[in-house]
């Protein structure tokens, strides 16, 4: 699914939510990848958000600082931003 990937680390799979720009830059399934990860901890869940560049992660964190924007909305906003 374009909205998330499963990253396997030592036999454990982690669901990582990613913007579309990151999804389209990924290599073939099973290939090693490096992501800049933001961990969102809530009372009832822990979610991971992955980005190809530190700048993309910083923009995500900047969006989170805006009142009313949570991680899901921030990742959707990033998905609509072209990297060109």
N, C-alpha and C. Protein backbone atom coordinates (compact mmCIF):
# COMPACT_ATOMS: atom_id res chain seq x y z
N UNK A 1 0.84 -1.19 0.00
CA UNK A 1 0.00 0.00 0.00
C UNK A 1 0.89 1.25 0.00
N UNK A 2 0.57 2.24 -0.79
CA UNK A 2 1.41 3.43 -0.85
C UNK A 2 1.51 4.21 0.47
N UNK A 3 0.55 4.07 1.37
CA UNK A 3 0.56 4.83 2.61
C UNK A 3 1.45 4.29 3.70
N UNK A 4 1.84 3.04 3.56
CA UNK A 4 2.72 2.45 4.57
C UNK A 4 3.49 1.27 3.99
N UNK A 5 4.57 0.93 4.67
CA UNK A 5 5.36 -0.24 4.31
C UNK A 5 5.62 -1.03 5.58
N UNK A 6 6.02 -2.27 5.42
CA UNK A 6 6.45 -3.07 6.55
C UNK A 6 7.95 -3.23 6.45
N UNK A 7 8.64 -2.77 7.48
CA UNK A 7 10.10 -2.87 7.53
C UNK A 7 10.45 -4.00 8.47
N UNK A 8 11.21 -4.97 7.96
CA UNK A 8 11.60 -6.11 8.78
C UNK A 8 13.00 -5.88 9.35
N UNK A 9 13.08 -6.00 10.67
CA UNK A 9 14.35 -5.84 11.38
C UNK A 9 14.53 -7.06 12.28
N UNK A 10 15.54 -7.86 11.99
CA UNK A 10 15.82 -9.07 12.77
C UNK A 10 14.58 -9.95 12.95
N UNK A 11 13.82 -10.12 11.88
CA UNK A 11 12.67 -11.01 11.90
C UNK A 11 11.39 -10.40 12.44
N UNK A 12 11.42 -9.14 12.85
CA UNK A 12 10.23 -8.46 13.36
C UNK A 12 9.80 -7.41 12.34
N UNK A 13 8.52 -7.44 11.98
CA UNK A 13 7.99 -6.48 11.02
C UNK A 13 7.39 -5.27 11.70
N UNK A 14 7.76 -4.09 11.24
CA UNK A 14 7.24 -2.83 11.78
C UNK A 14 6.50 -2.10 10.68
N UNK A 15 5.26 -1.67 10.97
CA UNK A 15 4.52 -0.87 10.00
C UNK A 15 5.02 0.56 10.12
N UNK A 16 5.46 1.12 8.98
CA UNK A 16 5.98 2.48 8.94
C UNK A 16 5.13 3.26 7.94
N UNK A 17 4.50 4.32 8.41
CA UNK A 17 3.71 5.18 7.53
C UNK A 17 4.67 6.11 6.79
N UNK A 18 4.43 6.27 5.49
CA UNK A 18 5.34 7.06 4.65
C UNK A 18 4.53 7.95 3.70
N UNK A 19 5.10 9.10 3.34
CA UNK A 19 4.45 9.92 2.31
C UNK A 19 4.63 9.28 0.93
N UNK A 20 3.81 9.68 0.00
CA UNK A 20 3.88 9.10 -1.35
C UNK A 20 5.25 9.31 -1.98
N UNK A 21 5.89 10.44 -1.71
CA UNK A 21 7.21 10.70 -2.31
C UNK A 21 8.21 9.63 -1.88
N UNK A 22 8.14 9.20 -0.65
CA UNK A 22 9.03 8.15 -0.15
C UNK A 22 8.67 6.81 -0.79
N UNK A 23 7.37 6.53 -0.90
CA UNK A 23 6.92 5.26 -1.49
C UNK A 23 7.46 5.11 -2.91
N UNK A 24 7.37 6.16 -3.71
CA UNK A 24 7.78 6.07 -5.11
C UNK A 24 9.30 6.03 -5.29
N UNK A 25 10.05 6.39 -4.26
CA UNK A 25 11.51 6.34 -4.33
C UNK A 25 12.08 5.01 -3.85
N UNK A 26 11.24 4.15 -3.30
CA UNK A 26 11.73 2.88 -2.76
C UNK A 26 12.14 1.94 -3.87
N UNK A 27 13.13 1.12 -3.57
CA UNK A 27 13.58 0.09 -4.51
C UNK A 27 12.62 -1.10 -4.43
N UNK A 28 13.01 -2.18 -5.04
CA UNK A 28 12.18 -3.38 -5.05
C UNK A 28 11.97 -3.91 -3.64
N UNK A 29 10.85 -4.61 -3.47
CA UNK A 29 10.54 -5.23 -2.18
C UNK A 29 11.67 -6.17 -1.77
N UNK A 30 12.04 -6.11 -0.51
CA UNK A 30 13.10 -6.96 0.00
C UNK A 30 14.47 -6.31 -0.03
N UNK A 31 14.57 -5.16 -0.70
CA UNK A 31 15.85 -4.45 -0.76
C UNK A 31 16.07 -3.67 0.54
N UNK A 32 17.33 -3.56 0.96
CA UNK A 32 17.61 -2.76 2.17
C UNK A 32 17.27 -1.28 1.93
N UNK A 33 16.74 -0.63 2.97
CA UNK A 33 16.44 0.80 2.87
C UNK A 33 16.91 1.49 4.14
N UNK A 34 17.09 2.78 4.03
CA UNK A 34 17.41 3.61 5.20
C UNK A 34 16.35 4.70 5.26
N UNK A 35 15.72 4.83 6.41
CA UNK A 35 14.69 5.84 6.61
C UNK A 35 15.01 6.69 7.83
N UNK A 36 14.60 7.93 7.79
CA UNK A 36 14.62 8.81 8.95
C UNK A 36 13.27 8.63 9.61
N UNK A 37 13.25 8.14 10.83
CA UNK A 37 12.00 7.73 11.47
C UNK A 37 11.59 8.69 12.59
N UNK A 38 10.32 9.04 12.58
CA UNK A 38 9.70 9.80 13.66
C UNK A 38 8.78 8.84 14.39
N UNK A 39 8.90 8.77 15.71
CA UNK A 39 8.07 7.89 16.52
C UNK A 39 7.01 8.72 17.24
N UNK A 40 5.75 8.42 16.98
CA UNK A 40 4.63 9.11 17.63
C UNK A 40 4.07 8.19 18.70
N UNK A 41 4.17 8.61 19.95
CA UNK A 41 3.70 7.80 21.08
C UNK A 41 2.40 8.41 21.59
N UNK A 42 1.37 7.57 21.60
CA UNK A 42 0.08 7.97 22.17
C UNK A 42 -0.23 7.04 23.33
N UNK A 43 -1.29 7.35 24.00
CA UNK A 43 -1.70 6.54 25.14
C UNK A 43 -2.00 5.10 24.74
N UNK A 44 -2.56 4.92 23.55
CA UNK A 44 -3.01 3.59 23.13
C UNK A 44 -2.23 3.00 21.96
N UNK A 45 -1.23 3.71 21.45
CA UNK A 45 -0.52 3.20 20.27
C UNK A 45 0.82 3.90 20.09
N UNK A 46 1.69 3.23 19.36
CA UNK A 46 2.95 3.81 18.92
C UNK A 46 2.98 3.67 17.40
N UNK A 47 3.15 4.80 16.71
CA UNK A 47 3.20 4.78 15.25
C UNK A 47 4.55 5.28 14.78
N UNK A 48 5.04 4.67 13.71
CA UNK A 48 6.31 5.06 13.10
C UNK A 48 6.04 5.73 11.76
N UNK A 49 6.74 6.84 11.51
CA UNK A 49 6.63 7.58 10.26
C UNK A 49 8.03 7.67 9.66
N UNK A 50 8.17 7.24 8.41
CA UNK A 50 9.49 7.18 7.78
C UNK A 50 9.63 8.15 6.62
N UNK A 51 10.85 8.69 6.48
CA UNK A 51 11.14 9.68 5.46
C UNK A 51 12.50 9.40 4.83
N UNK A 52 12.64 9.68 3.54
CA UNK A 52 13.90 9.43 2.83
C UNK A 52 14.99 10.42 3.21
N UNK A 53 14.61 11.65 3.56
CA UNK A 53 15.62 12.66 3.87
C UNK A 53 15.35 13.29 5.24
N UNK A 54 16.39 13.79 5.88
CA UNK A 54 16.20 14.50 7.16
C UNK A 54 15.33 15.76 6.97
N UNK A 55 15.43 16.40 5.81
CA UNK A 55 14.65 17.60 5.55
C UNK A 55 13.15 17.29 5.50
N UNK A 56 12.81 16.16 4.90
CA UNK A 56 11.41 15.75 4.83
C UNK A 56 10.88 15.48 6.24
N UNK A 57 11.69 14.85 7.07
CA UNK A 57 11.30 14.60 8.46
C UNK A 57 11.15 15.92 9.22
N UNK A 58 12.05 16.86 9.00
CA UNK A 58 11.96 18.17 9.66
C UNK A 58 10.69 18.91 9.27
N UNK A 59 10.31 18.83 8.00
CA UNK A 59 9.08 19.46 7.54
C UNK A 59 7.88 18.81 8.22
N UNK A 60 7.90 17.50 8.35
CA UNK A 60 6.84 16.77 9.05
C UNK A 60 6.73 17.28 10.49
N UNK A 61 7.86 17.40 11.17
CA UNK A 61 7.86 17.87 12.56
C UNK A 61 7.38 19.32 12.65
N UNK A 62 7.72 20.13 11.66
CA UNK A 62 7.24 21.51 11.63
C UNK A 62 5.72 21.54 11.47
N UNK A 63 5.19 20.70 10.60
CA UNK A 63 3.74 20.61 10.43
C UNK A 63 3.07 20.20 11.73
N UNK A 64 3.69 19.29 12.47
CA UNK A 64 3.11 18.84 13.75
C UNK A 64 3.04 19.97 14.77
N UNK A 65 3.89 20.97 14.63
CA UNK A 65 3.88 22.08 15.59
C UNK A 65 2.71 23.03 15.36
N UNK A 66 2.00 22.87 14.25
CA UNK A 66 0.83 23.70 13.95
C UNK A 66 -0.37 23.13 14.69
N UNK A 67 -1.07 23.99 15.41
CA UNK A 67 -2.25 23.57 16.17
C UNK A 67 -3.28 22.92 15.24
N UNK A 68 -3.73 21.73 15.61
CA UNK A 68 -4.75 21.03 14.84
C UNK A 68 -4.21 20.06 13.81
N UNK A 69 -2.90 20.01 13.62
CA UNK A 69 -2.31 19.07 12.66
C UNK A 69 -1.64 17.93 13.42
N UNK A 70 -2.17 16.73 13.21
CA UNK A 70 -1.59 15.54 13.81
C UNK A 70 -0.75 14.79 12.78
N UNK A 71 -0.17 13.67 13.20
CA UNK A 71 0.69 12.91 12.29
C UNK A 71 0.02 12.46 10.99
N UNK A 72 -1.22 12.00 11.07
CA UNK A 72 -1.89 11.51 9.85
C UNK A 72 -2.11 12.64 8.85
N UNK A 73 -2.55 13.79 9.34
CA UNK A 73 -2.75 14.92 8.44
C UNK A 73 -1.42 15.42 7.89
N UNK A 74 -0.40 15.46 8.74
CA UNK A 74 0.93 15.92 8.30
C UNK A 74 1.48 15.02 7.20
N UNK A 75 1.34 13.70 7.34
CA UNK A 75 1.86 12.78 6.32
C UNK A 75 1.06 12.93 5.03
N UNK A 76 -0.26 13.19 5.15
CA UNK A 76 -1.07 13.41 3.95
C UNK A 76 -0.69 14.71 3.26
N UNK A 77 -0.39 15.74 4.04
CA UNK A 77 0.05 17.01 3.45
C UNK A 77 1.37 16.82 2.71
N UNK A 78 2.29 16.08 3.32
CA UNK A 78 3.58 15.82 2.66
C UNK A 78 3.38 15.01 1.38
N UNK A 79 2.39 14.14 1.36
CA UNK A 79 2.13 13.33 0.17
C UNK A 79 1.68 14.19 -1.00
N UNK A 80 1.12 15.35 -0.69
CA UNK A 80 0.65 16.25 -1.74
C UNK A 80 1.68 17.25 -2.20
N UNK A 81 2.85 17.26 -1.55
CA UNK A 81 3.91 18.20 -1.90
C UNK A 81 4.89 17.53 -2.85
N UNK A 82 5.12 18.13 -3.99
CA UNK A 82 6.08 17.60 -4.94
C UNK A 82 7.49 17.93 -4.49
N UNK A 83 8.41 16.98 -4.66
CA UNK A 83 9.80 17.23 -4.30
C UNK A 83 10.55 17.97 -5.41
N UNK A 84 9.89 18.21 -6.53
CA UNK A 84 10.54 18.91 -7.66
C UNK A 84 10.57 20.40 -7.45
